Protein backbone atom coordinates (compact mmCIF):
# COMPACT_ATOMS: atom_id res chain seq x y z
CA MET A 1 21.83 -15.81 4.68
CA VAL A 2 22.92 -17.66 7.82
CA ILE A 3 20.34 -18.89 10.34
CA ASP A 4 21.58 -20.30 13.65
CA LYS A 5 19.44 -21.53 16.53
CA ASP A 6 21.75 -19.79 19.02
CA PHE A 7 21.17 -16.36 17.43
CA VAL A 8 18.01 -15.84 19.47
CA LEU A 9 16.28 -12.45 19.38
CA SER A 10 13.00 -13.06 21.22
CA GLU A 11 9.91 -15.15 21.55
CA VAL A 12 7.09 -13.81 19.40
CA ASP A 13 4.11 -12.43 21.29
CA PRO A 14 1.20 -13.66 19.10
CA ARG A 15 -0.50 -10.29 19.59
CA ILE A 16 1.99 -8.85 17.08
CA TYR A 17 -0.52 -10.20 14.51
CA GLY A 18 -3.45 -8.21 15.93
CA SER A 19 -5.86 -6.01 14.01
CA PHE A 20 -8.32 -3.15 14.47
CA ILE A 21 -12.02 -2.49 13.93
CA GLU A 22 -13.31 1.05 14.39
CA HIS A 23 -16.77 2.52 14.04
CA LEU A 24 -15.68 4.02 10.72
CA GLY A 25 -17.12 3.53 7.26
CA ARG A 26 -18.36 -0.03 6.75
CA ALA A 27 -16.00 -1.77 9.17
CA VAL A 28 -18.78 -2.57 11.64
CA TYR A 29 -22.04 -1.99 9.77
CA GLY A 30 -21.80 -3.85 6.46
CA GLY A 31 -18.53 -5.46 7.53
CA ILE A 32 -18.78 -7.73 10.55
CA TYR A 33 -22.46 -6.89 11.20
CA GLU A 34 -25.21 -6.89 8.58
CA PRO A 35 -28.60 -8.21 9.73
CA GLY A 36 -30.62 -9.45 6.77
CA HIS A 37 -27.59 -10.49 4.74
CA PRO A 38 -27.89 -14.07 3.42
CA ALA A 39 -24.75 -14.98 5.40
CA ALA A 40 -25.86 -13.30 8.64
CA ASP A 41 -26.39 -15.39 11.77
CA GLU A 42 -29.21 -14.87 14.26
CA ARG A 43 -27.28 -11.98 15.89
CA GLY A 44 -26.63 -10.19 12.60
CA PHE A 45 -22.94 -11.14 12.28
CA ARG A 46 -21.80 -12.06 8.77
CA ARG A 47 -20.64 -15.68 8.79
CA ASP A 48 -18.51 -15.22 5.67
CA ALA A 49 -16.59 -12.40 7.38
CA LEU A 50 -16.13 -14.51 10.50
CA GLU A 51 -14.79 -17.40 8.41
CA ALA A 52 -12.24 -15.19 6.62
CA ILE A 53 -11.13 -13.65 9.92
CA ARG A 54 -10.83 -17.00 11.70
CA LYS A 55 -8.45 -18.17 8.98
CA LEU A 56 -6.13 -15.32 9.95
CA LYS A 57 -6.04 -16.46 13.60
CA VAL A 58 -6.12 -12.82 14.75
CA PRO A 59 -5.13 -12.93 18.44
CA ILE A 60 -6.36 -9.45 19.47
CA ILE A 61 -8.54 -6.74 17.90
CA ARG A 62 -8.52 -3.09 18.94
CA TYR A 63 -11.94 -1.46 19.38
CA PRO A 64 -13.94 0.90 19.07
CA GLY A 65 -11.36 3.40 17.79
CA GLY A 66 -9.44 5.21 16.59
CA ASN A 67 -10.63 8.79 16.32
CA PHE A 68 -14.17 7.56 17.00
CA VAL A 69 -13.42 6.74 20.63
CA SER A 70 -12.59 10.34 21.58
CA GLY A 71 -16.25 11.32 21.32
CA TYR A 72 -17.84 8.01 22.29
CA ASN A 73 -20.02 7.44 25.35
CA TRP A 74 -19.85 3.70 25.92
CA GLU A 75 -23.22 3.72 27.72
CA ASP A 76 -24.90 4.56 24.37
CA GLY A 77 -23.91 1.13 23.03
CA VAL A 78 -25.29 -1.13 25.78
CA GLY A 79 -28.76 -2.23 26.79
CA PRO A 80 -31.74 -3.08 24.54
CA GLN A 81 -30.86 -2.25 20.96
CA ALA A 82 -34.27 -0.76 20.23
CA GLU A 83 -33.71 1.83 22.96
CA ARG A 84 -30.26 2.98 21.90
CA LYS A 85 -29.69 6.56 20.80
CA ARG A 86 -28.72 7.62 17.30
CA LYS A 87 -25.88 10.12 17.66
CA LEU A 88 -24.03 12.52 15.38
CA GLU A 89 -20.52 11.05 15.20
CA LEU A 90 -18.08 13.96 14.93
CA ALA A 91 -14.82 12.14 14.14
CA TRP A 92 -16.06 10.89 10.76
CA TRP A 93 -19.21 13.05 10.31
CA THR A 94 -21.66 10.18 10.23
CA THR A 95 -24.68 9.02 12.22
CA GLU A 96 -23.87 6.28 14.74
CA THR A 97 -26.82 3.96 15.37
CA ASN A 98 -25.14 2.22 18.33
CA GLN A 99 -26.60 -1.14 17.29
CA VAL A 100 -23.17 -2.64 17.94
CA GLY A 101 -21.50 -1.77 21.22
CA THR A 102 -19.31 -3.26 23.93
CA ASN A 103 -21.28 -6.48 24.49
CA GLU A 104 -21.92 -7.25 20.85
CA PHE A 105 -18.30 -6.71 19.94
CA ALA A 106 -17.04 -8.83 22.84
CA GLU A 107 -19.42 -11.57 21.76
CA TRP A 108 -18.31 -11.29 18.13
CA ALA A 109 -14.61 -11.33 19.07
CA LYS A 110 -15.16 -14.57 20.97
CA LEU A 111 -16.69 -16.09 17.83
CA ALA A 112 -13.68 -14.85 15.83
CA GLY A 113 -11.26 -16.44 18.32
CA SER A 114 -9.80 -13.06 19.32
CA GLU A 115 -9.24 -11.05 22.47
CA VAL A 116 -10.49 -7.46 22.67
CA MET A 117 -8.11 -4.53 23.03
CA MET A 118 -10.51 -1.90 24.38
CA ALA A 119 -9.92 1.82 24.04
CA VAL A 120 -11.31 4.35 26.53
CA ASN A 121 -12.39 7.90 25.70
CA LEU A 122 -9.86 10.44 26.96
CA GLY A 123 -11.04 13.13 24.55
CA THR A 124 -14.37 14.24 25.99
CA ARG A 125 -14.23 12.00 29.07
CA GLY A 126 -11.75 10.76 31.65
CA PRO A 127 -11.09 8.54 34.68
CA ASP A 128 -14.69 8.23 35.83
CA ALA A 129 -16.13 6.85 32.58
CA ALA A 130 -13.06 4.63 32.13
CA ARG A 131 -13.28 3.00 35.57
CA ASN A 132 -17.01 2.47 35.09
CA LEU A 133 -16.39 0.71 31.77
CA VAL A 134 -13.79 -1.57 33.38
CA GLU A 135 -16.30 -2.38 36.13
CA TYR A 136 -18.99 -3.08 33.51
CA CYS A 137 -16.72 -5.35 31.46
CA ASN A 138 -14.64 -7.15 34.08
CA HIS A 139 -16.21 -7.16 37.53
CA PRO A 140 -18.09 -10.43 38.19
CA ALA A 141 -21.17 -9.16 40.05
CA GLY A 142 -22.44 -7.24 43.05
CA SER A 143 -21.75 -3.67 41.90
CA TYR A 144 -23.86 -1.21 39.92
CA TYR A 145 -22.09 -1.56 36.57
CA SER A 146 -21.40 -5.29 36.78
CA ASP A 147 -25.06 -5.89 37.66
CA LEU A 148 -26.05 -3.61 34.79
CA ARG A 149 -24.09 -5.85 32.42
CA ILE A 150 -25.83 -8.90 33.85
CA SER A 151 -29.22 -7.20 33.36
CA HIS A 152 -28.24 -6.73 29.69
CA GLY A 153 -27.92 -10.48 29.29
CA TYR A 154 -24.20 -11.04 29.92
CA LYS A 155 -23.78 -12.88 33.19
CA GLU A 156 -20.10 -13.68 32.72
CA PRO A 157 -17.63 -10.78 32.67
CA HIS A 158 -15.79 -10.13 29.43
CA ARG A 159 -12.41 -10.15 31.21
CA ILE A 160 -10.79 -7.68 28.82
CA LYS A 161 -7.13 -7.45 29.75
CA THR A 162 -5.56 -4.92 27.35
CA TRP A 163 -6.75 -1.28 27.25
CA CYS A 164 -5.72 1.80 25.27
CA LEU A 165 -5.69 5.08 27.20
CA GLY A 166 -7.28 7.17 24.46
CA ASN A 167 -6.20 7.56 20.85
CA GLU A 168 -3.82 9.95 19.05
CA MET A 169 -4.29 12.60 21.70
CA ASP A 170 -1.58 14.82 20.16
CA GLY A 171 -3.52 15.24 16.91
CA PRO A 172 -5.40 18.52 16.28
CA TRP A 173 -8.01 16.47 14.39
CA GLN A 174 -8.77 14.57 17.58
CA ILE A 175 -11.84 15.43 19.64
CA GLY A 176 -10.43 16.79 22.91
CA ALA A 177 -6.79 16.88 21.75
CA LYS A 178 -4.30 17.48 24.55
CA THR A 179 -0.83 18.80 25.14
CA ALA A 180 1.70 16.22 26.30
CA VAL A 181 1.46 17.45 29.89
CA GLU A 182 -2.34 17.42 29.86
CA TYR A 183 -2.45 13.93 28.40
CA GLY A 184 0.36 12.52 30.53
CA ARG A 185 -1.38 13.59 33.73
CA LEU A 186 -4.76 12.34 32.48
CA ALA A 187 -3.34 8.99 31.36
CA ASN A 188 -1.64 8.51 34.72
CA GLU A 189 -4.78 9.25 36.75
CA THR A 190 -7.02 7.18 34.46
CA ALA A 191 -4.63 4.22 34.59
CA LYS A 192 -4.53 4.45 38.39
CA VAL A 193 -8.29 4.12 38.90
CA MET A 194 -8.69 1.50 36.18
CA ARG A 195 -6.11 -0.65 37.97
CA TRP A 196 -7.91 -0.12 41.27
CA VAL A 197 -10.99 -1.71 39.70
CA ASP A 198 -8.98 -4.52 38.05
CA PRO A 199 -5.30 -4.93 39.00
CA ASN A 200 -4.70 -7.38 36.15
CA LEU A 201 -5.03 -4.84 33.33
CA GLU A 202 -2.36 -4.09 30.73
CA LEU A 203 -2.44 -0.42 29.72
CA VAL A 204 -1.23 1.32 26.57
CA ALA A 205 -0.36 5.02 26.63
CA CYS A 206 -0.65 7.10 23.45
CA GLY A 207 2.57 7.88 21.67
CA SER A 208 2.67 10.36 18.81
CA SER A 209 0.16 9.97 15.99
CA GLY A 210 3.11 9.47 13.69
CA ARG A 211 6.82 10.05 13.35
CA GLY A 212 6.17 13.21 11.33
CA MET A 213 4.30 15.02 14.10
CA PRO A 214 6.09 18.27 15.10
CA THR A 215 6.07 17.21 18.76
CA PHE A 216 7.37 13.68 18.10
CA ALA A 217 9.92 12.48 20.68
CA GLU A 218 9.19 15.38 23.02
CA TRP A 219 5.62 14.08 23.31
CA GLU A 220 6.78 10.55 24.16
CA ALA A 221 9.31 11.76 26.73
CA THR A 222 6.85 14.09 28.48
CA VAL A 223 3.97 11.62 28.54
CA LEU A 224 6.16 8.84 29.93
CA ASP A 225 7.75 11.16 32.46
CA LEU A 226 4.25 11.64 33.87
CA SER A 227 2.83 8.12 33.51
CA TYR A 228 5.72 5.61 33.27
CA ASP A 229 4.91 3.76 36.49
CA GLN A 230 1.26 3.21 35.56
CA VAL A 231 1.52 1.99 31.94
CA ASP A 232 2.91 -1.11 30.25
CA TYR A 233 3.11 -0.10 26.59
CA LEU A 234 3.53 2.99 24.45
CA SER A 235 1.70 3.13 21.12
CA LEU A 236 3.11 3.84 17.66
CA HIS A 237 1.03 4.62 14.56
CA THR A 238 2.36 4.64 11.00
CA TYR A 239 0.93 4.42 7.48
CA TYR A 240 2.63 4.29 4.10
CA ASN A 241 1.53 5.05 0.54
CA ASN A 242 2.80 5.17 -3.01
CA ASN A 243 0.95 8.27 -4.10
CA GLU A 244 4.12 9.44 -5.89
CA ASN A 245 4.13 6.21 -7.93
CA ASP A 246 7.77 5.52 -7.01
CA SER A 247 7.74 1.77 -6.43
CA MET A 248 11.36 1.38 -5.37
CA ASN A 249 10.99 4.12 -2.76
CA PHE A 250 7.66 2.67 -1.63
CA LEU A 251 9.14 -0.81 -1.18
CA ALA A 252 11.77 0.69 1.13
CA ARG A 253 9.19 2.22 3.51
CA SER A 254 9.61 -0.55 6.06
CA MET A 255 13.02 0.98 6.78
CA ASP A 256 11.14 4.00 8.13
CA MET A 257 9.18 1.68 10.42
CA ASP A 258 12.46 0.15 11.59
CA GLN A 259 13.89 3.57 12.46
CA PHE A 260 10.63 4.67 14.10
CA ILE A 261 10.58 1.65 16.42
CA GLY A 262 14.22 2.13 17.33
CA SER A 263 13.67 5.81 18.15
CA VAL A 264 10.67 5.19 20.40
CA ALA A 265 12.39 2.31 22.20
CA SER A 266 15.30 4.66 22.92
CA ILE A 267 12.97 7.27 24.40
CA CYS A 268 11.38 4.65 26.64
CA ASP A 269 14.80 3.58 27.84
CA TYR A 270 15.79 7.19 28.49
CA ILE A 271 12.82 7.65 30.81
CA LYS A 272 13.59 4.31 32.46
CA ALA A 273 17.11 5.49 33.16
CA LYS A 274 15.91 8.92 34.30
CA LYS A 275 13.53 7.31 36.81
CA ARG A 276 16.04 4.63 37.87
CA SER A 277 13.24 2.20 37.11
CA LYS A 278 13.58 -1.57 36.85
CA LYS A 279 10.54 -1.79 34.56
CA LYS A 280 11.02 -2.18 30.82
CA LEU A 281 8.34 -0.51 28.74
CA TYR A 282 7.19 -2.37 25.63
CA LEU A 283 5.71 -1.06 22.39
CA SER A 284 2.31 -1.42 20.78
CA MET A 285 2.28 -0.66 17.04
CA ASP A 286 -1.49 -0.56 17.28
CA GLU A 287 -2.09 1.16 13.92
CA TRP A 288 -0.06 0.33 10.84
CA ASN A 289 -0.79 -0.38 7.19
CA VAL A 290 -0.57 0.87 3.64
CA TRP A 291 -3.08 3.72 3.28
CA ASN A 292 -3.19 5.29 -0.16
CA THR A 293 -6.38 7.31 0.35
CA ILE A 294 -5.41 9.00 3.62
CA GLY A 295 -6.95 12.47 3.72
CA SER A 296 -9.50 11.59 1.03
CA SER A 297 -12.35 9.17 0.37
CA ARG A 298 -14.49 10.70 3.09
CA ALA A 299 -18.26 10.44 2.69
CA SER A 300 -19.61 13.07 0.28
CA GLU A 301 -22.48 14.00 2.60
CA ARG A 302 -22.46 14.31 6.37
CA TRP A 303 -24.56 12.25 8.79
CA GLN A 304 -25.03 9.15 6.66
CA VAL A 305 -25.13 5.76 8.38
CA ALA A 306 -22.00 3.68 7.63
CA PRO A 307 -21.12 5.18 4.24
CA PRO A 308 -18.14 3.71 2.34
CA GLU A 309 -14.96 5.43 3.54
CA PHE A 310 -11.27 4.75 2.88
CA GLU A 311 -12.00 1.58 0.90
CA ASP A 312 -8.54 1.20 -0.63
CA THR A 313 -8.03 -1.38 -3.36
CA TYR A 314 -4.65 -2.99 -2.70
CA THR A 315 -2.08 -3.96 -5.30
CA MET A 316 0.63 -6.59 -5.47
CA GLU A 317 3.21 -3.99 -4.43
CA ASP A 318 1.05 -3.03 -1.44
CA ALA A 319 1.19 -6.68 -0.37
CA LEU A 320 4.99 -6.59 -0.62
CA VAL A 321 5.16 -3.53 1.64
CA VAL A 322 2.84 -5.19 4.15
CA GLY A 323 5.13 -8.23 4.03
CA CYS A 324 8.22 -6.07 4.62
CA CYS A 325 6.49 -4.38 7.57
CA LEU A 326 5.59 -7.76 9.08
CA ILE A 327 9.24 -8.79 8.78
CA THR A 328 10.26 -5.51 10.45
CA LEU A 329 7.87 -6.13 13.35
CA LEU A 330 9.40 -9.57 13.82
CA LYS A 331 12.88 -8.02 13.78
CA HIS A 332 11.74 -6.00 16.80
CA ALA A 333 9.86 -8.81 18.55
CA ASP A 334 11.95 -8.21 21.66
CA ARG A 335 10.27 -4.81 22.05
CA VAL A 336 7.07 -4.78 19.97
CA LYS A 337 4.64 -7.10 21.72
CA ILE A 338 1.37 -5.85 20.21
CA ALA A 339 0.69 -4.69 16.66
CA CYS A 340 -2.63 -4.05 14.94
CA LEU A 341 -3.03 -4.03 11.17
CA ALA A 342 -5.47 -1.17 10.65
CA GLN A 343 -8.08 -2.11 9.75
CA LEU A 344 -9.54 -5.60 9.39
CA ILE A 345 -12.54 -5.28 7.08
CA ASN A 346 -13.68 -2.75 4.42
CA VAL A 347 -11.69 0.23 5.76
CA ILE A 348 -8.07 0.07 4.42
CA ALA A 349 -8.49 -3.65 4.96
CA PRO A 350 -7.39 -7.08 3.73
CA ILE A 351 -11.04 -8.22 3.62
CA MET A 352 -13.77 -6.53 1.57
CA THR A 353 -17.51 -7.04 1.41
CA GLU A 354 -20.43 -5.73 -0.58
CA ASN A 355 -23.59 -4.80 1.31
CA GLY A 356 -25.98 -7.65 0.61
CA GLY A 357 -23.35 -9.25 -1.60
CA PRO A 358 -20.13 -11.24 -1.66
CA LEU A 359 -16.85 -11.09 0.26
CA TRP A 360 -13.39 -11.12 -1.32
CA LEU A 361 -9.80 -11.06 -0.12
CA GLN A 362 -7.34 -8.32 -1.03
CA THR A 363 -3.68 -8.91 -1.91
CA THR A 364 -2.58 -7.86 1.59
CA TYR A 365 -4.59 -10.66 3.19
CA TYR A 366 -2.03 -13.26 2.24
CA PRO A 367 1.23 -12.03 3.83
CA TYR A 368 -0.77 -11.15 6.94
CA MET A 369 -2.26 -14.65 7.07
CA HIS A 370 1.08 -16.37 6.42
CA ALA A 371 2.87 -14.43 9.15
CA SER A 372 0.11 -15.09 11.67
CA LEU A 373 -0.05 -18.81 10.91
CA TYR A 374 3.65 -19.58 10.57
CA GLY A 375 5.44 -16.76 12.39
CA ARG A 376 4.93 -18.01 15.95
CA GLY A 377 7.86 -19.20 17.98
CA THR A 378 11.37 -17.76 18.40
CA VAL A 379 12.77 -15.05 16.14
CA LEU A 380 16.37 -15.67 15.14
CA HIS A 381 18.82 -12.93 14.15
CA PRO A 382 19.66 -13.69 10.52
CA VAL A 383 23.05 -12.80 9.07
CA ILE A 384 22.31 -11.45 5.59
CA ARG A 385 24.49 -10.21 2.76
CA SER A 386 22.46 -8.67 -0.04
CA ALA A 387 22.93 -6.27 -2.92
CA LYS A 388 21.44 -2.86 -2.16
CA TYR A 389 20.00 0.17 -3.90
CA ASP A 390 19.29 3.83 -3.16
CA SER A 391 15.89 5.45 -3.57
CA LYS A 392 14.52 8.97 -3.18
CA ASP A 393 14.25 8.78 0.63
CA PHE A 394 16.43 5.81 1.56
CA THR A 395 20.01 4.65 1.05
CA ASP A 396 21.43 1.13 1.18
CA VAL A 397 18.08 -0.61 0.80
CA PRO A 398 18.69 -4.39 0.63
CA TYR A 399 16.92 -6.16 -2.21
CA LEU A 400 16.39 -9.03 0.21
CA GLU A 401 14.21 -8.36 3.25
CA ALA A 402 14.02 -11.48 5.41
CA ILE A 403 13.62 -12.96 8.88
CA SER A 404 13.42 -16.46 10.33
CA VAL A 405 11.26 -17.94 13.07
CA TYR A 406 11.63 -21.39 14.55
CA ASN A 407 9.30 -23.43 16.70
CA GLU A 408 11.13 -25.92 18.88
CA GLU A 409 8.00 -27.87 19.75
CA SER A 410 7.05 -28.57 16.13
CA ARG A 411 10.72 -28.61 14.99
CA GLN A 412 9.82 -26.21 12.20
CA ILE A 413 11.69 -23.23 10.75
CA THR A 414 9.94 -20.56 8.72
CA LEU A 415 11.76 -18.10 6.51
CA PHE A 416 9.84 -15.00 5.39
CA ALA A 417 11.50 -13.22 2.47
CA VAL A 418 10.67 -10.36 0.11
CA ASN A 419 12.57 -9.73 -3.11
CA ARG A 420 12.29 -5.98 -3.66
CA HIS A 421 13.85 -6.14 -7.13
CA LEU A 422 11.26 -5.23 -9.75
CA SER A 423 12.91 -6.98 -12.71
CA ASP A 424 15.32 -9.66 -11.47
CA SER A 425 14.98 -12.78 -9.37
CA LEU A 426 17.32 -13.36 -6.43
CA GLU A 427 19.36 -16.52 -6.01
CA LEU A 428 19.52 -16.96 -2.25
CA ASP A 429 21.85 -19.34 -0.41
CA VAL A 430 20.77 -20.15 3.15
CA ASN A 431 23.04 -21.89 5.66
CA LEU A 432 21.10 -23.77 8.36
CA GLY A 433 24.08 -25.76 9.66
CA SER A 434 23.13 -25.58 13.36
CA PHE A 435 19.83 -27.33 12.61
CA GLY A 436 21.42 -30.32 10.90
CA GLN A 437 19.35 -32.16 8.31
CA VAL A 438 16.22 -30.32 7.16
CA ARG A 439 13.42 -31.08 4.77
CA LEU A 440 11.13 -28.76 2.86
CA ILE A 441 7.48 -28.61 3.90
CA GLU A 442 6.49 -26.02 1.29
CA HIS A 443 7.62 -22.84 -0.44
CA ILE A 444 4.70 -20.41 -0.77
CA VAL A 445 4.99 -17.52 -3.23
CA LEU A 446 2.83 -14.44 -3.80
CA GLU A 447 3.75 -12.80 -7.10
CA HIS A 448 2.25 -11.26 -10.21
CA GLU A 449 3.75 -10.03 -13.47
CA ASN A 450 2.03 -6.68 -12.89
CA ILE A 451 2.87 -5.13 -9.50
CA LYS A 452 -0.27 -2.98 -9.85
CA ALA A 453 -2.52 -6.05 -10.10
CA THR A 454 -5.43 -6.19 -7.64
CA ASN A 455 -8.17 -8.48 -6.42
CA THR A 456 -11.69 -7.15 -6.90
CA LYS A 457 -15.24 -8.42 -6.52
CA ASN A 458 -15.25 -9.43 -10.19
CA ARG A 459 -11.68 -10.83 -10.17
CA PRO A 460 -11.12 -12.10 -6.62
CA GLN A 461 -8.44 -14.63 -7.63
CA GLU A 462 -6.20 -12.33 -9.68
CA VAL A 463 -3.43 -12.28 -7.04
CA VAL A 464 -3.26 -15.42 -4.92
CA PRO A 465 -0.36 -17.44 -3.49
CA HIS A 466 0.93 -20.67 -4.99
CA THR A 467 3.27 -23.41 -3.73
CA ARG A 468 5.48 -23.74 -6.81
CA GLY A 469 8.43 -21.91 -5.26
CA THR A 470 11.89 -23.25 -6.07
CA THR A 471 13.91 -24.45 -3.07
CA LEU A 472 16.67 -27.04 -3.27
CA ILE A 473 18.14 -28.63 -0.11
CA ASP A 474 21.53 -30.23 0.41
CA GLY A 475 21.94 -31.21 4.06
CA GLY A 476 21.65 -28.01 6.06
CA LYS A 477 21.98 -25.71 3.05
CA LEU A 478 19.23 -24.26 0.90
CA SER A 479 19.31 -22.75 -2.56
CA VAL A 480 16.22 -20.62 -3.01
CA LYS A 481 15.04 -18.72 -6.05
CA LEU A 482 13.03 -15.64 -5.12
CA SER A 483 11.02 -14.35 -8.06
CA LYS A 484 11.12 -10.64 -8.83
CA ALA A 485 8.87 -8.52 -6.61
CA SER A 486 7.67 -11.50 -4.57
CA TRP A 487 6.65 -12.49 -1.05
CA ASN A 488 7.99 -15.90 -0.01
CA VAL A 489 7.28 -18.25 2.87
CA ILE A 490 9.72 -21.17 3.08
CA ARG A 491 8.63 -23.72 5.66
CA LEU A 492 11.13 -26.32 6.84
CA GLU A 493 11.31 -29.16 9.33
CA TYR A 494 14.62 -30.19 10.90
CA VAL A 495 14.88 -33.94 11.22
CA SER A 496 18.32 -34.24 12.89
CA GLU A 497 20.80 -31.98 14.64
């Protein structure tokens, strides 16, 4: 592997390490919010959850959905909590108490050190409700909805900058699903009036719900043809699983993400060329993760309040795939500016809680945390030569998946590397000649003899990182041993050039 400071790809937008909290399962109720819990503060927010989330330094969190938003009336979640309506929630067949809404979440996000990425309902609603919500959230005072917010106890506006124009509007499961023409026109008109209320907004149009949708590519092209001038980002959603128990194929899934991003970027550029536009559209991978229980794990009975749903238990190999996906996102940092690991707590999440009980961290927490903490700066194009393998769905899969990020201000270089080999370690030679003399800060490793190992409430420390990685340095050259099936973070400081 060769890393050179002149092989610059892009600055990293920190929002690439974003996440997502939907009114689904126990993400909100029993996750971030549980009045009466021993760790709850005076507002009902769990302090232990806040502490675990702060350690991730999550820059932005998407809210309130997800499928939930397509049937959500935001007015139901503001005002005195005792007066809020209990509603049948049709996306997930539960009862929504509305005890947490726009103001509570904005307040919680501030405590977590995160910005809010707000989604508007374009399923059952449209431009009118969206512009009113922007006025409620962002206008200082002197109008009906801004004064309503003030009357609810929030004098200062929330100043939410980034907004999603609906969610997965191509999906037949979605409340108020649309054709591409219907959605493209609606997104354009909604974006227009939202910007009239607040010209500083950044707006995300819905791409396909996934690369496998029958209308994929045509959907993107049609939607952008109708809304290109009014939006800043196009969304991508993708999830991966190992339900076939084919680990080598599963570990190659990030190659699908790579191809997906490249395809959507090409469609955006086609519309740019078609319109003779000077504007470059960026991408928001605002739902991505490993999701092994997709299509199952729904609540057994309808209309419960916050039942457990989609509470995946993640393995060591799941953490490796998350690590590979984070590397892939960094490889596309020139185009992907926002990405949201879906979701943050309890629902296909790196953080788990028990109602009334403890909190523990899943295997996937660690690569996500490492990337967020150490993957900020400038992404460098690495030159890599690695042995490869073929799997059921992929050919020429490199055993080494890696990327490098350097921070000129701190004079630090971080190398993220996954060894996909299930039985052999990799001996990696890294040439850092353009950086001169370097010294090792630490080599962090996440590994386990059993790739199916998990962290649970009873064994929360089964899979945790250590700093016993083997890295030898000779001038500007590194010799690194990457253990089999491992996630590695090699942190360096360059002391001379």
